Amino acid sequence: MSRTPRSMNVRSIPGAATAAVGALVFLYVPILVTTVYAFNAGDKALVWEGFSTRWFGYVLSNDDLVSTAITSVKLATIATVLATLAAIAFVLAADSLRRTSGLAMALLSAPLVVPEIVLAVATLGFIRLIGLTPGMTALVLAHTAFCIPFALMPIRARMTTLGDSVFEASADLGATTWPMLRRVTLPLLVPGIVSGALLSFVISMDDYLISSFLSAAGSTTLPVYLFGLIRRGASPAINVVAVLLLVLAATVTTLTYLQQRKRV
């Protein structure tokens, strides 16, 4: 009589705990160091000369930094709205696609597996082919396409968990297509929509590679500007911007988590 194998205790693997601790240290210590040195009084990014918040004032009053940050926010907002609408449209149409829904899902999820450098080069070639030049329009198109799968995943997951009973009950009560969409489907999808939109916004704000290929004068994004700033010599201003972006990411992550905990 065969015996059922017991599940392996990961903690019993030699060196597993050390590797886990090392990975956490490697991941979070640089973030902690960056946060601490954002309050450095000196002019060197990694030479502590006392506590000060003057670099926060410098960042918030620097016209170039503020301008590129505004550009990134505008771009991320537009791309998020378009990507979220596209994701909602696909989720609503997935049932009617039936056999081809898997293929459509795979195509929309391609940016998750295709190397970003490939997407950047291909997108640059495509916009040249259709007569566009690098700039805000090209950035919006590229970021929208890149953000669609990130908006799609939470919405698709939310739709999957709903089941058919709610919609069947609505149909039995006489709801037609558009009233059901407006009063039942979309309200139930709100947690997934919000999560997908917030995730898309952060992904767009954080993107450097595609933006560096498609940026032009007047449409430089914050990550592209920061990379150029670092090449000229790092200062505590870089740490401050990193901390502000970290706060933004933490806020979005928290909101996404709270939305996912919502129940019908």
Protein backbone atom coordinates (compact mmCIF):
# COMPACT_ATOMS: atom_id res chain seq x y z
CA MET A 1 0.00 0.00 0.00
CA SER A 2 1.47 3.29 -1.08
CA ARG A 3 1.94 6.10 1.38
CA THR A 4 0.84 9.62 0.66
CA PRO A 5 3.95 11.83 0.46
CA ARG A 6 4.08 14.65 2.93
CA SER A 7 4.51 18.21 1.71
CA MET A 8 8.05 19.48 2.02
CA ASN A 9 8.79 22.02 4.71
CA VAL A 10 10.69 24.79 2.96
CA ARG A 11 12.34 25.81 6.21
CA SER A 12 14.05 22.44 6.39
CA ILE A 13 16.01 23.14 3.19
CA PRO A 14 19.59 24.09 4.13
CA GLY A 15 20.24 27.78 3.54
CA ALA A 16 16.61 28.62 2.65
CA ALA A 17 16.15 30.99 5.59
CA THR A 18 19.47 32.71 4.91
CA ALA A 19 18.61 33.15 1.23
CA ALA A 20 15.20 34.58 2.11
CA VAL A 21 16.67 37.06 4.59
CA GLY A 22 19.37 38.03 2.10
CA ALA A 23 16.78 38.65 -0.62
CA LEU A 24 14.71 40.86 1.70
CA VAL A 25 17.79 42.81 2.77
CA PHE A 26 18.89 43.30 -0.83
CA LEU A 27 15.40 44.47 -1.76
CA TYR A 28 14.53 46.80 1.11
CA VAL A 29 17.80 48.20 2.44
CA PRO A 30 18.42 50.31 -0.71
CA ILE A 31 14.92 51.74 -0.34
CA LEU A 32 15.61 52.58 3.29
CA VAL A 33 18.96 54.18 2.41
CA THR A 34 17.34 56.25 -0.34
CA THR A 35 14.64 57.43 2.05
CA VAL A 36 17.15 58.42 4.73
CA TYR A 37 19.43 60.30 2.32
CA ALA A 38 16.47 62.23 0.92
CA PHE A 39 16.73 64.24 4.16
CA ASN A 40 20.44 64.91 3.72
CA ALA A 41 21.56 68.50 4.23
CA GLY A 42 24.60 68.17 1.96
CA ASP A 43 24.99 68.29 -1.80
CA LYS A 44 26.10 64.67 -2.23
CA ALA A 45 23.54 61.92 -2.76
CA LEU A 46 25.26 59.41 -0.47
CA VAL A 47 27.38 61.55 1.87
CA TRP A 48 25.49 62.37 5.06
CA GLU A 49 26.01 65.94 6.27
CA GLY A 50 23.07 66.39 8.61
CA PHE A 51 19.28 66.32 8.61
CA SER A 52 17.39 68.75 6.40
CA THR A 53 14.24 68.95 4.27
CA ARG A 54 15.64 71.59 1.92
CA TRP A 55 15.87 69.18 -1.01
CA PHE A 56 12.13 68.59 -0.85
CA GLY A 57 11.67 72.33 -1.32
CA TYR A 58 14.17 72.27 -4.17
CA VAL A 59 12.34 69.47 -5.98
CA LEU A 60 8.92 71.06 -5.56
CA SER A 61 10.19 74.43 -6.79
CA ASN A 62 12.29 73.11 -9.69
CA ASP A 63 10.46 74.06 -12.89
CA ASP A 64 11.98 71.27 -14.97
CA LEU A 65 11.16 68.56 -12.45
CA VAL A 66 7.64 69.86 -11.93
CA SER A 67 7.08 70.14 -15.69
CA THR A 68 8.21 66.59 -16.40
CA ALA A 69 6.18 65.32 -13.45
CA ILE A 70 3.07 67.05 -14.83
CA THR A 71 3.76 65.53 -18.25
CA SER A 72 4.05 62.07 -16.70
CA VAL A 73 0.81 62.54 -14.74
CA LYS A 74 -1.06 63.73 -17.85
CA LEU A 75 0.30 60.85 -19.90
CA ALA A 76 -0.46 58.28 -17.22
CA THR A 77 -3.99 59.63 -16.74
CA ILE A 78 -4.87 59.52 -20.44
CA ALA A 79 -3.27 56.10 -20.94
CA THR A 80 -5.02 54.75 -17.85
CA VAL A 81 -8.45 55.90 -18.99
CA LEU A 82 -8.01 54.49 -22.51
CA ALA A 83 -6.47 51.22 -21.31
CA THR A 84 -9.20 50.72 -18.70
CA LEU A 85 -11.97 51.37 -21.22
CA ALA A 86 -10.37 48.89 -23.62
CA ALA A 87 -10.07 46.31 -20.84
CA ILE A 88 -13.72 46.76 -19.83
CA ALA A 89 -14.83 46.41 -23.45
CA PHE A 90 -12.87 43.18 -23.83
CA VAL A 91 -14.21 41.68 -20.60
CA LEU A 92 -17.79 42.48 -21.62
CA ALA A 93 -17.25 41.02 -25.09
CA ALA A 94 -15.30 37.94 -23.95
CA ASP A 95 -18.39 35.78 -23.55
CA SER A 96 -19.48 36.39 -27.13
CA LEU A 97 -16.00 35.63 -28.46
CA ARG A 98 -16.16 32.08 -27.07
CA ARG A 99 -13.50 30.03 -28.84
CA THR A 100 -11.39 33.04 -29.80
CA SER A 101 -11.44 34.64 -26.34
CA GLY A 102 -8.30 32.71 -25.32
CA LEU A 103 -6.43 33.92 -28.39
CA ALA A 104 -7.61 37.50 -27.83
CA MET A 105 -6.53 37.33 -24.17
CA ALA A 106 -3.11 36.04 -25.20
CA LEU A 107 -2.66 38.86 -27.71
CA LEU A 108 -3.71 41.54 -25.23
CA SER A 109 -1.37 40.07 -22.60
CA ALA A 110 1.62 40.06 -24.95
CA PRO A 111 3.23 43.16 -23.35
CA LEU A 112 3.63 41.13 -20.16
CA VAL A 113 5.97 38.62 -21.81
CA VAL A 114 7.52 40.49 -24.72
CA PRO A 115 10.78 42.28 -23.72
CA GLU A 116 10.14 45.98 -23.32
CA ILE A 117 13.06 46.91 -25.55
CA VAL A 118 11.37 44.97 -28.35
CA LEU A 119 8.12 46.84 -27.74
CA ALA A 120 9.97 50.16 -27.72
CA VAL A 121 11.76 49.52 -31.03
CA ALA A 122 8.63 48.09 -32.66
CA THR A 123 6.48 50.99 -31.48
CA LEU A 124 8.98 53.55 -32.76
CA GLY A 125 9.03 51.84 -36.14
CA PHE A 126 5.23 51.66 -36.22
CA ILE A 127 4.63 55.33 -35.47
CA ARG A 128 7.15 56.25 -38.17
CA LEU A 129 5.29 53.95 -40.56
CA ILE A 130 1.93 55.65 -39.94
CA GLY A 131 3.43 59.13 -40.23
CA LEU A 132 3.70 60.13 -36.57
CA THR A 133 6.76 61.53 -34.88
CA PRO A 134 7.94 61.03 -31.29
CA GLY A 135 5.88 63.16 -28.95
CA MET A 136 2.82 63.13 -26.74
CA THR A 137 0.52 61.39 -29.23
CA ALA A 138 3.00 58.56 -29.79
CA LEU A 139 3.53 58.24 -26.03
CA VAL A 140 -0.22 58.02 -25.38
CA LEU A 141 -0.64 55.27 -27.98
CA ALA A 142 2.35 53.29 -26.69
CA HIS A 143 1.48 53.62 -23.00
CA THR A 144 -2.15 52.71 -23.64
CA ALA A 145 -1.18 49.52 -25.45
CA PHE A 146 1.38 48.68 -22.77
CA CYS A 147 -1.08 49.27 -19.89
CA ILE A 148 -4.04 47.31 -21.27
CA PRO A 149 -3.01 43.91 -19.81
CA PHE A 150 -2.37 45.48 -16.40
CA ALA A 151 -5.87 46.98 -16.42
CA LEU A 152 -7.35 43.79 -17.83
CA MET A 153 -6.12 41.31 -15.21
CA PRO A 154 -8.04 42.66 -12.16
CA ILE A 155 -11.19 43.34 -14.20
CA ARG A 156 -11.10 39.88 -15.75
CA ALA A 157 -10.51 38.30 -12.35
CA ARG A 158 -13.42 40.23 -10.86
CA MET A 159 -15.73 39.17 -13.70
CA THR A 160 -14.72 35.54 -13.25
CA THR A 161 -15.63 35.55 -9.56
CA LEU A 162 -19.14 36.94 -10.16
CA GLY A 163 -20.56 33.88 -11.88
CA ASP A 164 -23.73 33.80 -13.97
CA SER A 165 -26.37 33.72 -11.23
CA VAL A 166 -26.42 37.49 -10.71
CA PHE A 167 -26.93 38.19 -14.40
CA GLU A 168 -29.49 35.43 -14.77
CA ALA A 169 -31.46 36.87 -11.85
CA SER A 170 -31.32 40.32 -13.44
CA ALA A 171 -32.60 38.93 -16.73
CA ASP A 172 -35.42 37.09 -14.93
CA LEU A 173 -36.43 40.41 -13.37
CA GLY A 174 -36.75 41.92 -16.83
CA ALA A 175 -33.44 43.77 -17.16
CA THR A 176 -32.38 44.24 -20.76
CA THR A 177 -28.82 44.62 -22.02
CA TRP A 178 -28.14 48.29 -21.32
CA PRO A 179 -29.95 48.59 -17.95
CA MET A 180 -28.16 45.41 -16.80
CA LEU A 181 -24.82 46.85 -17.92
CA ARG A 182 -25.43 50.16 -16.16
CA ARG A 183 -27.07 48.94 -12.96
CA VAL A 184 -25.60 45.47 -12.43
CA THR A 185 -22.47 44.65 -14.40
CA LEU A 186 -20.47 47.86 -14.10
CA PRO A 187 -21.22 48.44 -10.38
CA LEU A 188 -20.10 44.88 -9.63
CA LEU A 189 -16.91 45.41 -11.64
CA VAL A 190 -15.98 48.64 -9.85
CA PRO A 191 -13.38 47.05 -7.49
CA GLY A 192 -11.63 45.41 -10.44
CA ILE A 193 -11.87 48.54 -12.54
CA VAL A 194 -10.35 50.71 -9.82
CA SER A 195 -7.58 48.18 -9.15
CA GLY A 196 -6.75 47.89 -12.85
CA ALA A 197 -6.79 51.65 -13.34
CA LEU A 198 -4.50 52.29 -10.37
CA LEU A 199 -2.09 49.58 -11.50
CA SER A 200 -2.03 51.00 -15.04
CA PHE A 201 -1.36 54.49 -13.70
CA VAL A 202 1.66 53.34 -11.70
CA ILE A 203 3.03 51.31 -14.62
CA SER A 204 2.75 54.30 -16.94
CA MET A 205 4.32 56.69 -14.43
CA ASP A 206 7.20 54.27 -13.89
CA ASP A 207 7.99 53.48 -17.53
CA TYR A 208 11.37 54.59 -18.81
CA LEU A 209 12.37 52.49 -21.82
CA ILE A 210 9.40 53.10 -24.12
CA SER A 211 9.23 56.74 -23.04
CA SER A 212 12.91 57.29 -23.83
CA PHE A 213 12.33 56.09 -27.41
CA LEU A 214 9.21 58.17 -27.98
CA SER A 215 9.82 61.36 -25.98
CA ALA A 216 10.44 64.66 -27.73
CA ALA A 217 10.89 68.29 -26.71
CA GLY A 218 7.96 69.24 -24.50
CA SER A 219 6.95 65.64 -23.82
CA THR A 220 9.84 64.42 -21.66
CA THR A 221 8.56 62.21 -18.85
CA LEU A 222 9.86 62.19 -15.29
CA PRO A 223 11.80 58.86 -15.51
CA VAL A 224 13.57 60.03 -18.69
CA TYR A 225 14.46 63.37 -17.09
CA LEU A 226 15.73 61.67 -13.93
CA PHE A 227 17.99 59.37 -15.92
CA GLY A 228 19.55 62.39 -17.62
CA LEU A 229 19.89 64.10 -14.24
CA ILE A 230 21.73 61.11 -12.75
CA ARG A 231 24.19 61.03 -15.64
CA ARG A 232 25.15 64.62 -14.83
CA GLY A 233 25.81 63.74 -11.19
CA ALA A 234 23.53 62.43 -8.47
CA SER A 235 22.25 64.74 -5.75
CA PRO A 236 19.82 64.32 -2.85
CA ALA A 237 17.13 65.63 -5.22
CA ILE A 238 17.17 62.21 -6.89
CA ASN A 239 16.51 60.59 -3.53
CA VAL A 240 13.64 62.98 -2.86
CA VAL A 241 11.96 62.17 -6.17
CA ALA A 242 12.42 58.46 -5.49
CA VAL A 243 10.77 58.84 -2.07
CA LEU A 244 7.84 60.77 -3.54
CA LEU A 245 7.35 58.07 -6.18
CA LEU A 246 7.60 55.45 -3.45
CA VAL A 247 4.84 57.19 -1.50
CA LEU A 248 2.71 57.28 -4.66
CA ALA A 249 3.28 53.57 -5.30
CA ALA A 250 2.53 52.68 -1.67
CA THR A 251 -0.69 54.71 -1.80
CA VAL A 252 -1.82 53.03 -5.00
CA THR A 253 -0.94 49.59 -3.63
CA THR A 254 -2.93 50.26 -0.47
CA LEU A 255 -5.95 51.48 -2.42
CA THR A 256 -5.75 48.45 -4.71
CA TYR A 257 -5.62 46.11 -1.72
CA LEU A 258 -8.62 47.78 -0.10
CA GLN A 259 -10.59 47.57 -3.34
CA GLN A 260 -9.83 43.87 -3.74
CA ARG A 261 -11.15 43.21 -0.23
CA LYS A 262 -14.54 44.65 -1.09
CA ARG A 263 -17.36 42.16 -1.34
CA VAL A 264 -20.60 42.36 -3.23
